Amino acid sequence: MTLKLLFFASYTDIAGASELSADLADGSTVADVAAWVVDRYPKFAEILPKGRIAVNQEFAESTLALADGDEVAFMPPMSGG
């Protein structure tokens, strides 16, 4: 399946782009796509767990199964008020 990956704020700098596509096996989960990102961009290993991941514009748990064409957004922790 093909996923659309979106990176925001400082994550864009690490990935070198604000948008990528990823091909993963059918039945992959949010945890699997996060591992895919870390495998390609090792700097994410330490900081990715501190941020949030959304699937199709809704925050998602790591166990959520993904479907072909899903949009997966990676957002760093935000501060401010």
C-alpha atoms as a PDB file:
ATOM      1  CA  MET A   1       0.000   0.000   0.000  1.00  0.00           C
ATOM      2  CA  THR A   2       1.111   3.567  -0.624  1.00  0.00           C
ATOM      3  CA  LEU A   3       0.861   6.188   2.123  1.00  0.00           C
ATOM      4  CA  LYS A   4       1.213   9.954   1.956  1.00  0.00           C
ATOM      5  CA  LEU A   5       3.511  11.191   4.740  1.00  0.00           C
ATOM      6  CA  LEU A   6       3.383  14.793   5.930  1.00  0.00           C
ATOM      7  CA  PHE A   7       6.022  16.398   8.149  1.00  0.00           C
ATOM      8  CA  PHE A   8       5.511  19.618  10.091  1.00  0.00           C
ATOM      9  CA  ALA A   9       7.784  22.230  11.692  1.00  0.00           C
ATOM     10  CA  SER A  10      11.213  20.868  12.677  1.00  0.00           C
ATOM     11  CA  TYR A  11      10.317  17.412  11.334  1.00  0.00           C
ATOM     12  CA  THR A  12      10.370  18.887   7.826  1.00  0.00           C
ATOM     13  CA  ASP A  13      14.038  19.794   8.285  1.00  0.00           C
ATOM     14  CA  ILE A  14      14.937  16.262   9.352  1.00  0.00           C
ATOM     15  CA  ALA A  15      13.035  14.579   6.514  1.00  0.00           C
ATOM     16  CA  GLY A  16      14.264  17.147   4.008  1.00  0.00           C
ATOM     17  CA  ALA A  17      10.718  17.574   2.698  1.00  0.00           C
ATOM     18  CA  SER A  18       7.252  18.366   3.957  1.00  0.00           C
ATOM     19  CA  GLU A  19       5.695  15.491   2.011  1.00  0.00           C
ATOM     20  CA  LEU A  20       6.874  11.992   1.055  1.00  0.00           C
ATOM     21  CA  SER A  21       5.256   8.770  -0.019  1.00  0.00           C
ATOM     22  CA  ALA A  22       5.940   5.368   1.494  1.00  0.00           C
ATOM     23  CA  ASP A  23       5.165   1.870   0.274  1.00  0.00           C
ATOM     24  CA  LEU A  24       4.429  -0.519   3.125  1.00  0.00           C
ATOM     25  CA  ALA A  25       2.932  -3.988   3.336  1.00  0.00           C
ATOM     26  CA  ASP A  26      -0.821  -4.378   3.608  1.00  0.00           C
ATOM     27  CA  GLY A  27      -1.864  -4.538   7.258  1.00  0.00           C
ATOM     28  CA  SER A  28       0.868  -2.145   8.408  1.00  0.00           C
ATOM     29  CA  THR A  29       0.176  -0.008  11.465  1.00  0.00           C
ATOM     30  CA  VAL A  30       1.094   3.485  12.602  1.00  0.00           C
ATOM     31  CA  ALA A  31       4.010   1.900  14.494  1.00  0.00           C
ATOM     32  CA  ASP A  32       5.208   0.297  11.257  1.00  0.00           C
ATOM     33  CA  VAL A  33       5.213   3.585   9.350  1.00  0.00           C
ATOM     34  CA  ALA A  34       7.005   5.284  12.261  1.00  0.00           C
ATOM     35  CA  ALA A  35       9.659   2.538  12.107  1.00  0.00           C
ATOM     36  CA  TRP A  36       9.906   3.095   8.331  1.00  0.00           C
ATOM     37  CA  VAL A  37      10.593   6.798   8.947  1.00  0.00           C
ATOM     38  CA  VAL A  38      13.208   6.100  11.640  1.00  0.00           C
ATOM     39  CA  ASP A  39      14.920   3.534   9.408  1.00  0.00           C
ATOM     40  CA  ARG A  40      15.370   6.152   6.677  1.00  0.00           C
ATOM     41  CA  TYR A  41      15.960   9.166   8.934  1.00  0.00           C
ATOM     42  CA  PRO A  42      17.703   7.959  12.128  1.00  0.00           C
ATOM     43  CA  LYS A  43      17.466  11.408  13.771  1.00  0.00           C
ATOM     44  CA  PHE A  44      13.760  10.681  14.280  1.00  0.00           C
ATOM     45  CA  ALA A  45      14.531   7.770  16.642  1.00  0.00           C
ATOM     46  CA  GLU A  46      14.927  10.015  19.670  1.00  0.00           C
ATOM     47  CA  ILE A  47      12.360  12.713  18.923  1.00  0.00           C
ATOM     48  CA  LEU A  48       9.492  10.961  17.143  1.00  0.00           C
ATOM     49  CA  PRO A  49       8.053   9.473  20.374  1.00  0.00           C
ATOM     50  CA  LYS A  50       7.727  13.003  21.798  1.00  0.00           C
ATOM     51  CA  GLY A  51       5.459  14.215  18.982  1.00  0.00           C
ATOM     52  CA  ARG A  52       2.067  13.156  17.659  1.00  0.00           C
ATOM     53  CA  ILE A  53       0.987  11.170  14.643  1.00  0.00           C
ATOM     54  CA  ALA A  54      -2.314  11.718  12.892  1.00  0.00           C
ATOM     55  CA  VAL A  55      -3.962   9.559  10.255  1.00  0.00           C
ATOM     56  CA  ASN A  56      -6.374  11.277   7.905  1.00  0.00           C
ATOM     57  CA  GLN A  57      -6.372  14.367  10.144  1.00  0.00           C
ATOM     58  CA  GLU A  58      -7.189  12.520  13.398  1.00  0.00           C
ATOM     59  CA  PHE A  59      -4.686  11.668  16.121  1.00  0.00           C
ATOM     60  CA  ALA A  60      -3.916   7.963  16.014  1.00  0.00           C
ATOM     61  CA  GLU A  61      -2.622   5.245  18.316  1.00  0.00           C
ATOM     62  CA  SER A  62       0.392   3.200  17.254  1.00  0.00           C
ATOM     63  CA  THR A  63      -1.741   0.074  16.795  1.00  0.00           C
ATOM     64  CA  LEU A  64      -4.078   1.617  14.206  1.00  0.00           C
ATOM     65  CA  ALA A  65      -4.069  -0.373  10.958  1.00  0.00           C
ATOM     66  CA  LEU A  66      -3.454   1.730   7.862  1.00  0.00           C
ATOM     67  CA  ALA A  67      -5.088   1.512   4.444  1.00  0.00           C
ATOM     68  CA  ASP A  68      -3.833   2.298   0.967  1.00  0.00           C
ATOM     69  CA  GLY A  69      -3.902   6.049   0.353  1.00  0.00           C
ATOM     70  CA  ASP A  70      -3.979   7.072   4.015  1.00  0.00           C
ATOM     71  CA  GLU A  71      -2.388  10.387   4.940  1.00  0.00           C
ATOM     72  CA  VAL A  72      -0.026  10.093   7.921  1.00  0.00           C
ATOM     73  CA  ALA A  73       1.096  13.358   9.527  1.00  0.00           C
ATOM     74  CA  PHE A  74       4.064  13.651  11.887  1.00  0.00           C
ATOM     75  CA  MET A  75       3.930  16.629  14.246  1.00  0.00           C
ATOM     76  CA  PRO A  76       6.566  17.619  16.799  1.00  0.00           C
ATOM     77  CA  PRO A  77       5.535  18.653  20.300  1.00  0.00           C
ATOM     78  CA  MET A  78       4.235  22.217  20.402  1.00  0.00           C
ATOM     79  CA  SER A  79       4.605  24.747  23.160  1.00  0.00           C
ATOM     80  CA  GLY A  80       3.152  28.148  23.689  1.00  0.00           C
ATOM     81  CA  GLY A  81      -0.153  29.526  24.660  1.00  0.00           C
END
